[in-house]
PDB file of all heavy atoms in Angstrom:
ATOM      1  N   LEU A   1       0.804  -1.224  -0.015  1.00  0.00           N
ATOM      2  CA  LEU A   1       0.005   0.009  -0.002  1.00  0.00           C
ATOM      3  C   LEU A   1       0.869   1.250  -0.001  1.00  0.00           C
ATOM      4  O   LEU A   1       0.591   2.225  -0.733  1.00  0.00           O
ATOM      5  CB  LEU A   1      -0.941  -0.016   1.209  1.00  0.00           C
ATOM      6  CG  LEU A   1      -1.982  -1.106   1.258  1.00  0.00           C
ATOM      7  CD1 LEU A   1      -2.792  -1.083   2.546  1.00  0.00           C
ATOM      8  CD2 LEU A   1      -2.902  -1.004   0.093  1.00  0.00           C
ATOM      9  N   PHE A   2       1.892   1.220   0.817  1.00  0.00           N
ATOM     10  CA  PHE A   2       2.824   2.416   0.890  1.00  0.00           C
ATOM     11  C   PHE A   2       3.533   2.612  -0.485  1.00  0.00           C
ATOM     12  O   PHE A   2       3.872   3.706  -0.872  1.00  0.00           O
ATOM     13  CB  PHE A   2       3.790   2.270   2.035  1.00  0.00           C
ATOM     14  CG  PHE A   2       3.172   2.470   3.358  1.00  0.00           C
ATOM     15  CD1 PHE A   2       3.352   1.475   4.408  1.00  0.00           C
ATOM     16  CD2 PHE A   2       2.411   3.550   3.684  1.00  0.00           C
ATOM     17  CE1 PHE A   2       2.756   1.652   5.621  1.00  0.00           C
ATOM     18  CE2 PHE A   2       1.903   3.755   4.934  1.00  0.00           C
ATOM     19  CZ  PHE A   2       2.007   2.798   5.938  1.00  0.00           C
ATOM     20  N   SER A   3       3.840   1.519  -1.125  1.00  0.00           N
ATOM     21  CA  SER A   3       4.525   1.603  -2.422  1.00  0.00           C
ATOM     22  C   SER A   3       3.568   2.243  -3.465  1.00  0.00           C
ATOM     23  O   SER A   3       4.087   3.073  -4.278  1.00  0.00           O
ATOM     24  CB  SER A   3       4.904   0.208  -2.888  1.00  0.00           C
ATOM     25  OG  SER A   3       5.845  -0.428  -2.027  1.00  0.00           O
ATOM     26  N   VAL A   4       2.317   1.834  -3.416  1.00  0.00           N
ATOM     27  CA  VAL A   4       1.367   2.477  -4.276  1.00  0.00           C
ATOM     28  C   VAL A   4       1.245   3.954  -4.004  1.00  0.00           C
ATOM     29  O   VAL A   4       1.155   4.774  -5.056  1.00  0.00           O
ATOM     30  CB  VAL A   4      -0.018   1.715  -4.169  1.00  0.00           C
ATOM     31  CG1 VAL A   4      -1.043   2.491  -4.969  1.00  0.00           C
ATOM     32  CG2 VAL A   4       0.064   0.322  -4.658  1.00  0.00           C
ATOM     33  N   VAL A   5       1.281   4.346  -2.804  1.00  0.00           N
ATOM     34  CA  VAL A   5       1.297   5.763  -2.452  1.00  0.00           C
ATOM     35  C   VAL A   5       2.436   6.472  -3.009  1.00  0.00           C
ATOM     36  O   VAL A   5       2.329   7.522  -3.679  1.00  0.00           O
ATOM     37  CB  VAL A   5       1.182   5.928  -0.918  1.00  0.00           C
ATOM     38  CG1 VAL A   5       1.508   7.440  -0.536  1.00  0.00           C
ATOM     39  CG2 VAL A   5      -0.077   5.461  -0.323  1.00  0.00           C
ATOM     40  N   MET A   6       3.670   5.894  -2.811  1.00  0.00           N
ATOM     41  CA  MET A   6       4.886   6.529  -3.411  1.00  0.00           C
ATOM     42  C   MET A   6       4.781   6.641  -4.968  1.00  0.00           C
ATOM     43  O   MET A   6       5.175   7.701  -5.524  1.00  0.00           O
ATOM     44  CB  MET A   6       6.111   5.719  -3.000  1.00  0.00           C
ATOM     45  CG  MET A   6       6.521   6.040  -1.569  1.00  0.00           C
ATOM     46  SD  MET A   6       8.199   5.452  -1.211  1.00  0.00           S
ATOM     47  CE  MET A   6       7.844   3.703  -0.958  1.00  0.00           C
ATOM     48  N   LEU A   7       4.339   5.579  -5.615  1.00  0.00           N
ATOM     49  CA  LEU A   7       4.195   5.596  -7.085  1.00  0.00           C
ATOM     50  C   LEU A   7       3.193   6.715  -7.488  1.00  0.00           C
ATOM     51  O   LEU A   7       3.360   7.422  -8.437  1.00  0.00           O
ATOM     52  CB  LEU A   7       3.773   4.256  -7.655  1.00  0.00           C
ATOM     53  CG  LEU A   7       4.832   3.208  -7.743  1.00  0.00           C
ATOM     54  CD1 LEU A   7       4.247   1.863  -8.100  1.00  0.00           C
ATOM     55  CD2 LEU A   7       5.850   3.645  -8.784  1.00  0.00           C
ATOM     56  N   SER A   8       2.085   6.786  -6.771  1.00  0.00           N
ATOM     57  CA  SER A   8       1.093   7.788  -7.061  1.00  0.00           C
ATOM     58  C   SER A   8       1.593   9.232  -6.896  1.00  0.00           C
ATOM     59  O   SER A   8       1.357  10.095  -7.744  1.00  0.00           O
ATOM     60  CB  SER A   8      -0.181   7.667  -6.112  1.00  0.00           C
ATOM     61  OG  SER A   8      -0.713   6.337  -6.314  1.00  0.00           O
ATOM     62  N   LEU A   9       2.389   9.415  -5.868  1.00  0.00           N
ATOM     63  CA  LEU A   9       3.002  10.771  -5.639  1.00  0.00           C
ATOM     64  C   LEU A   9       4.050  11.048  -6.740  1.00  0.00           C
ATOM     65  O   LEU A   9       4.151  12.218  -7.138  1.00  0.00           O
ATOM     66  CB  LEU A   9       3.664  10.803  -4.255  1.00  0.00           C
ATOM     67  CG  LEU A   9       2.773  10.805  -3.018  1.00  0.00           C
ATOM     68  CD1 LEU A   9       3.594  10.554  -1.746  1.00  0.00           C
ATOM     69  CD2 LEU A   9       2.036  12.138  -2.984  1.00  0.00           C
ATOM     70  N   GLY A  10       4.736  10.004  -7.156  1.00  0.00           N
ATOM     71  CA  GLY A  10       5.685  10.190  -8.257  1.00  0.00           C
ATOM     72  C   GLY A  10       5.036  10.614  -9.536  1.00  0.00           C
ATOM     73  O   GLY A  10       5.475  11.536 -10.261  1.00  0.00           O
ATOM     74  N   ILE A  11       3.894   9.868  -9.912  1.00  0.00           N
ATOM     75  CA  ILE A  11       3.147  10.177 -11.106  1.00  0.00           C
ATOM     76  C   ILE A  11       2.608  11.591 -11.043  1.00  0.00           C
ATOM     77  O   ILE A  11       2.631  12.369 -11.993  1.00  0.00           O
ATOM     78  CB  ILE A  11       2.115   9.125 -11.346  1.00  0.00           C
ATOM     79  CG1 ILE A  11       2.800   7.742 -11.594  1.00  0.00           C
ATOM     80  CG2 ILE A  11       1.203   9.534 -12.536  1.00  0.00           C
ATOM     81  CD1 ILE A  11       1.798   6.597 -11.657  1.00  0.00           C
ATOM     82  N   TYR A  12       2.036  11.876  -9.855  1.00  0.00           N
ATOM     83  CA  TYR A  12       1.466  13.220  -9.666  1.00  0.00           C
ATOM     84  C   TYR A  12       2.524  14.321  -9.764  1.00  0.00           C
ATOM     85  O   TYR A  12       2.318  15.396 -10.383  1.00  0.00           O
ATOM     86  CB  TYR A  12       0.858  13.317  -8.291  1.00  0.00           C
ATOM     87  CG  TYR A  12       0.258  14.699  -7.950  1.00  0.00           C
ATOM     88  CD1 TYR A  12      -1.074  15.057  -8.373  1.00  0.00           C
ATOM     89  CD2 TYR A  12       1.006  15.589  -7.168  1.00  0.00           C
ATOM     90  CE1 TYR A  12      -1.546  16.317  -8.037  1.00  0.00           C
ATOM     91  CE2 TYR A  12       0.509  16.821  -6.859  1.00  0.00           C
ATOM     92  CZ  TYR A  12      -0.799  17.197  -7.316  1.00  0.00           C
ATOM     93  OH  TYR A  12      -1.271  18.378  -6.990  1.00  0.00           O
ATOM     94  N   GLY A  13       3.782  13.970  -9.263  1.00  0.00           N
ATOM     95  CA  GLY A  13       4.822  14.938  -9.288  1.00  0.00           C
ATOM     96  C   GLY A  13       5.365  15.215 -10.731  1.00  0.00           C
ATOM     97  O   GLY A  13       5.748  16.298 -11.015  1.00  0.00           O
ATOM     98  N   LEU A  14       5.206  14.248 -11.577  1.00  0.00           N
ATOM     99  CA  LEU A  14       5.666  14.410 -12.954  1.00  0.00           C
ATOM    100  C   LEU A  14       4.759  15.449 -13.701  1.00  0.00           C
ATOM    101  O   LEU A  14       5.165  16.140 -14.557  1.00  0.00           O
ATOM    102  CB  LEU A  14       5.568  13.099 -13.720  1.00  0.00           C
ATOM    103  CG  LEU A  14       6.636  11.988 -13.330  1.00  0.00           C
ATOM    104  CD1 LEU A  14       6.418  10.784 -14.149  1.00  0.00           C
ATOM    105  CD2 LEU A  14       8.110  12.591 -13.628  1.00  0.00           C
ATOM    106  N   LEU A  15       3.522  15.492 -13.192  1.00  0.00           N
ATOM    107  CA  LEU A  15       2.521  16.354 -13.795  1.00  0.00           C
ATOM    108  C   LEU A  15       2.520  17.751 -13.196  1.00  0.00           C
ATOM    109  O   LEU A  15       2.118  18.762 -13.814  1.00  0.00           O
ATOM    110  CB  LEU A  15       1.145  15.755 -13.729  1.00  0.00           C
ATOM    111  CG  LEU A  15       0.944  14.380 -14.400  1.00  0.00           C
ATOM    112  CD1 LEU A  15      -0.421  13.898 -14.105  1.00  0.00           C
ATOM    113  CD2 LEU A  15       1.167  14.521 -15.891  1.00  0.00           C
ATOM    114  N   HIS A  16       2.989  17.782 -11.910  1.00  0.00           N
ATOM    115  CA  HIS A  16       2.908  19.067 -11.182  1.00  0.00           C
ATOM    116  C   HIS A  16       4.207  19.523 -10.548  1.00  0.00           C
ATOM    117  O   HIS A  16       4.209  20.303  -9.632  1.00  0.00           O
ATOM    118  CB  HIS A  16       1.790  18.961 -10.160  1.00  0.00           C
ATOM    119  CG  HIS A  16       0.478  18.674 -10.609  1.00  0.00           C
ATOM    120  ND1 HIS A  16      -0.026  17.419 -10.821  1.00  0.00           N
ATOM    121  CD2 HIS A  16      -0.600  19.540 -10.911  1.00  0.00           C
ATOM    122  CE1 HIS A  16      -1.247  17.494 -11.310  1.00  0.00           C
ATOM    123  NE2 HIS A  16      -1.594  18.755 -11.331  1.00  0.00           N
ATOM    124  N   ALA A  17       5.337  19.013 -10.978  1.00  0.00           N
ATOM    125  CA  ALA A  17       6.648  19.314 -10.539  1.00  0.00           C
ATOM    126  C   ALA A  17       6.847  19.229  -9.000  1.00  0.00           C
ATOM    127  O   ALA A  17       7.258  20.213  -8.374  1.00  0.00           O
ATOM    128  CB  ALA A  17       6.964  20.743 -10.992  1.00  0.00           C
ATOM    129  N   VAL A  18       6.451  18.125  -8.447  1.00  0.00           N
ATOM    130  CA  VAL A  18       6.609  17.952  -6.998  1.00  0.00           C
ATOM    131  C   VAL A  18       8.009  17.487  -6.726  1.00  0.00           C
ATOM    132  O   VAL A  18       8.671  16.701  -7.500  1.00  0.00           O
ATOM    133  CB  VAL A  18       5.652  16.820  -6.554  1.00  0.00           C
ATOM    134  CG1 VAL A  18       5.847  16.544  -5.118  1.00  0.00           C
ATOM    135  CG2 VAL A  18       4.150  17.299  -6.747  1.00  0.00           C
ATOM    136  N   THR A  19       8.574  17.978  -5.650  1.00  0.00           N
ATOM    137  CA  THR A  19       9.969  17.612  -5.164  1.00  0.00           C
ATOM    138  C   THR A  19      10.078  16.122  -4.898  1.00  0.00           C
ATOM    139  O   THR A  19       9.077  15.511  -4.400  1.00  0.00           O
ATOM    140  CB  THR A  19      10.307  18.400  -3.942  1.00  0.00           C
ATOM    141  OG1 THR A  19      10.161  19.848  -4.119  1.00  0.00           O
ATOM    142  CG2 THR A  19      11.776  18.088  -3.523  1.00  0.00           C
ATOM    143  N   ASN A  20      11.160  15.553  -5.291  1.00  0.00           N
ATOM    144  CA  ASN A  20      11.407  14.093  -5.051  1.00  0.00           C
ATOM    145  C   ASN A  20      10.536  13.169  -5.938  1.00  0.00           C
ATOM    146  O   ASN A  20      10.373  11.952  -5.597  1.00  0.00           O
ATOM    147  CB  ASN A  20      11.213  13.702  -3.510  1.00  0.00           C
ATOM    148  CG  ASN A  20      12.263  14.342  -2.682  1.00  0.00           C
ATOM    149  OD1 ASN A  20      13.379  14.608  -3.110  1.00  0.00           O
ATOM    150  ND2 ASN A  20      11.877  14.663  -1.416  1.00  0.00           N
ATOM    151  N   ARG A  21       9.979  13.687  -6.961  1.00  0.00           N
ATOM    152  CA  ARG A  21       9.141  12.862  -7.832  1.00  0.00           C
ATOM    153  C   ARG A  21       9.806  11.656  -8.427  1.00  0.00           C
ATOM    154  O   ARG A  21       9.239  10.564  -8.409  1.00  0.00           O
ATOM    155  CB  ARG A  21       8.487  13.759  -8.916  1.00  0.00           C
ATOM    156  CG  ARG A  21       9.473  14.423  -9.843  1.00  0.00           C
ATOM    157  CD  ARG A  21       8.832  15.415 -10.785  1.00  0.00           C
ATOM    158  NE  ARG A  21       9.722  16.148 -11.575  1.00  0.00           N
ATOM    159  CZ  ARG A  21      10.396  17.238 -11.214  1.00  0.00           C
ATOM    160  NH1 ARG A  21      10.125  17.731  -9.931  1.00  0.00           N
ATOM    161  NH2 ARG A  21      11.224  17.846 -12.010  1.00  0.00           N
ATOM    162  N   VAL A  22      11.055  11.852  -8.794  1.00  0.00           N
ATOM    163  CA  VAL A  22      11.847  10.720  -9.343  1.00  0.00           C
ATOM    164  C   VAL A  22      12.084   9.635  -8.278  1.00  0.00           C
ATOM    165  O   VAL A  22      11.957   8.433  -8.519  1.00  0.00           O
ATOM    166  CB  VAL A  22      13.125  11.192 -10.012  1.00  0.00           C
ATOM    167  CG1 VAL A  22      13.966   9.983 -10.401  1.00  0.00           C
ATOM    168  CG2 VAL A  22      12.912  12.108 -11.108  1.00  0.00           C
ATOM    169  N   LEU A  23      12.364  10.163  -7.052  1.00  0.00           N
ATOM    170  CA  LEU A  23      12.740   9.207  -5.986  1.00  0.00           C
ATOM    171  C   LEU A  23      11.455   8.446  -5.556  1.00  0.00           C
ATOM    172  O   LEU A  23      11.496   7.284  -5.268  1.00  0.00           O
ATOM    173  CB  LEU A  23      13.202  10.002  -4.791  1.00  0.00           C
ATOM    174  CG  LEU A  23      14.625  10.653  -5.005  1.00  0.00           C
ATOM    175  CD1 LEU A  23      14.998  11.450  -3.757  1.00  0.00           C
ATOM    176  CD2 LEU A  23      15.652   9.644  -5.346  1.00  0.00           C
ATOM    177  N   TYR A  24      10.352   9.087  -5.582  1.00  0.00           N
ATOM    178  CA  TYR A  24       9.018   8.429  -5.280  1.00  0.00           C
ATOM    179  C   TYR A  24       8.832   7.303  -6.299  1.00  0.00           C
ATOM    180  O   TYR A  24       8.385   6.237  -5.930  1.00  0.00           O
ATOM    181  CB  TYR A  24       7.882   9.479  -5.354  1.00  0.00           C
ATOM    182  CG  TYR A  24       7.678  10.265  -4.116  1.00  0.00           C
ATOM    183  CD1 TYR A  24       7.700  11.658  -4.199  1.00  0.00           C
ATOM    184  CD2 TYR A  24       7.493   9.737  -2.803  1.00  0.00           C
ATOM    185  CE1 TYR A  24       7.415  12.527  -3.033  1.00  0.00           C
ATOM    186  CE2 TYR A  24       7.288  10.500  -1.726  1.00  0.00           C
ATOM    187  CZ  TYR A  24       7.265  11.884  -1.863  1.00  0.00           C
ATOM    188  OH  TYR A  24       7.077  12.607  -0.763  1.00  0.00           O
ATOM    189  N   LEU A  25       9.123   7.586  -7.530  1.00  0.00           N
ATOM    190  CA  LEU A  25       8.922   6.556  -8.593  1.00  0.00           C
ATOM    191  C   LEU A  25       9.874   5.376  -8.399  1.00  0.00           C
ATOM    192  O   LEU A  25       9.466   4.229  -8.496  1.00  0.00           O
ATOM    193  CB  LEU A  25       9.044   7.182  -9.984  1.00  0.00           C
ATOM    194  CG  LEU A  25       7.962   8.121 -10.413  1.00  0.00           C
ATOM    195  CD1 LEU A  25       8.391   8.889 -11.714  1.00  0.00           C
ATOM    196  CD2 LEU A  25       6.667   7.423 -10.633  1.00  0.00           C
ATOM    197  N   VAL A  26      11.125   5.769  -8.149  1.00  0.00           N
ATOM    198  CA  VAL A  26      12.160   4.715  -8.011  1.00  0.00           C
ATOM    199  C   VAL A  26      11.887   3.757  -6.857  1.00  0.00           C
ATOM    200  O   VAL A  26      11.782   2.542  -6.957  1.00  0.00           O
ATOM    201  CB  VAL A  26      13.550   5.347  -7.915  1.00  0.00           C
ATOM    202  CG1 VAL A  26      14.613   4.222  -7.546  1.00  0.00           C
ATOM    203  CG2 VAL A  26      13.957   5.995  -9.198  1.00  0.00           C
ATOM    204  N   PHE A  27      11.683   4.377  -5.666  1.00  0.00           N
ATOM    205  CA  PHE A  27      11.523   3.627  -4.456  1.00  0.00           C
ATOM    206  C   PHE A  27      10.139   2.984  -4.358  1.00  0.00           C
ATOM    207  O   PHE A  27       9.930   1.933  -3.805  1.00  0.00           O
ATOM    208  CB  PHE A  27      11.882   4.435  -3.204  1.00  0.00           C
ATOM    209  CG  PHE A  27      13.222   4.720  -3.015  1.00  0.00           C
ATOM    210  CD1 PHE A  27      13.816   5.843  -3.447  1.00  0.00           C
ATOM    211  CD2 PHE A  27      14.112   3.736  -2.420  1.00  0.00           C
ATOM    212  CE1 PHE A  27      15.170   6.150  -3.300  1.00  0.00           C
ATOM    213  CE2 PHE A  27      15.411   3.976  -2.316  1.00  0.00           C
ATOM    214  CZ  PHE A  27      16.048   5.198  -2.699  1.00  0.00           C
ATOM    215  N   GLY A  28       9.121   3.699  -4.971  1.00  0.00           N
ATOM    216  CA  GLY A  28       7.793   3.104  -5.024  1.00  0.00           C
ATOM    217  C   GLY A  28       7.762   1.879  -5.928  1.00  0.00           C
ATOM    218  O   GLY A  28       7.192   0.884  -5.564  1.00  0.00           O
ATOM    219  N   GLY A  29       8.423   1.993  -7.063  1.00  0.00           N
ATOM    220  CA  GLY A  29       8.567   0.892  -7.928  1.00  0.00           C
ATOM    221  C   GLY A  29       9.277  -0.282  -7.362  1.00  0.00           C
ATOM    222  O   GLY A  29       8.880  -1.503  -7.505  1.00  0.00           O
ATOM    223  N   LEU A  30      10.394  -0.044  -6.577  1.00  0.00           N
ATOM    224  CA  LEU A  30      11.102  -1.051  -6.011  1.00  0.00           C
ATOM    225  C   LEU A  30      10.275  -1.743  -4.893  1.00  0.00           C
ATOM    226  O   LEU A  30      10.270  -2.991  -4.776  1.00  0.00           O
ATOM    227  CB  LEU A  30      12.390  -0.478  -5.351  1.00  0.00           C
ATOM    228  CG  LEU A  30      13.293  -1.420  -4.603  1.00  0.00           C
ATOM    229  CD1 LEU A  30      13.792  -2.513  -5.495  1.00  0.00           C
ATOM    230  CD2 LEU A  30      14.533  -0.733  -3.979  1.00  0.00           C
ATOM    231  N   GLY A  31       9.562  -0.967  -4.105  1.00  0.00           N
ATOM    232  CA  GLY A  31       8.707  -1.512  -3.102  1.00  0.00           C
ATOM    233  C   GLY A  31       7.646  -2.384  -3.656  1.00  0.00           C
ATOM    234  O   GLY A  31       7.311  -3.514  -3.122  1.00  0.00           O
TER     235      GLY A  31
END
């Protein structure tokens, strides 16, 4: 569930320039 949250934040970040968006995607994907 937390991994899905990180991936969602990463995807949202790509659209709205959120800080750490790449890290959210990397660690969310790994999780």
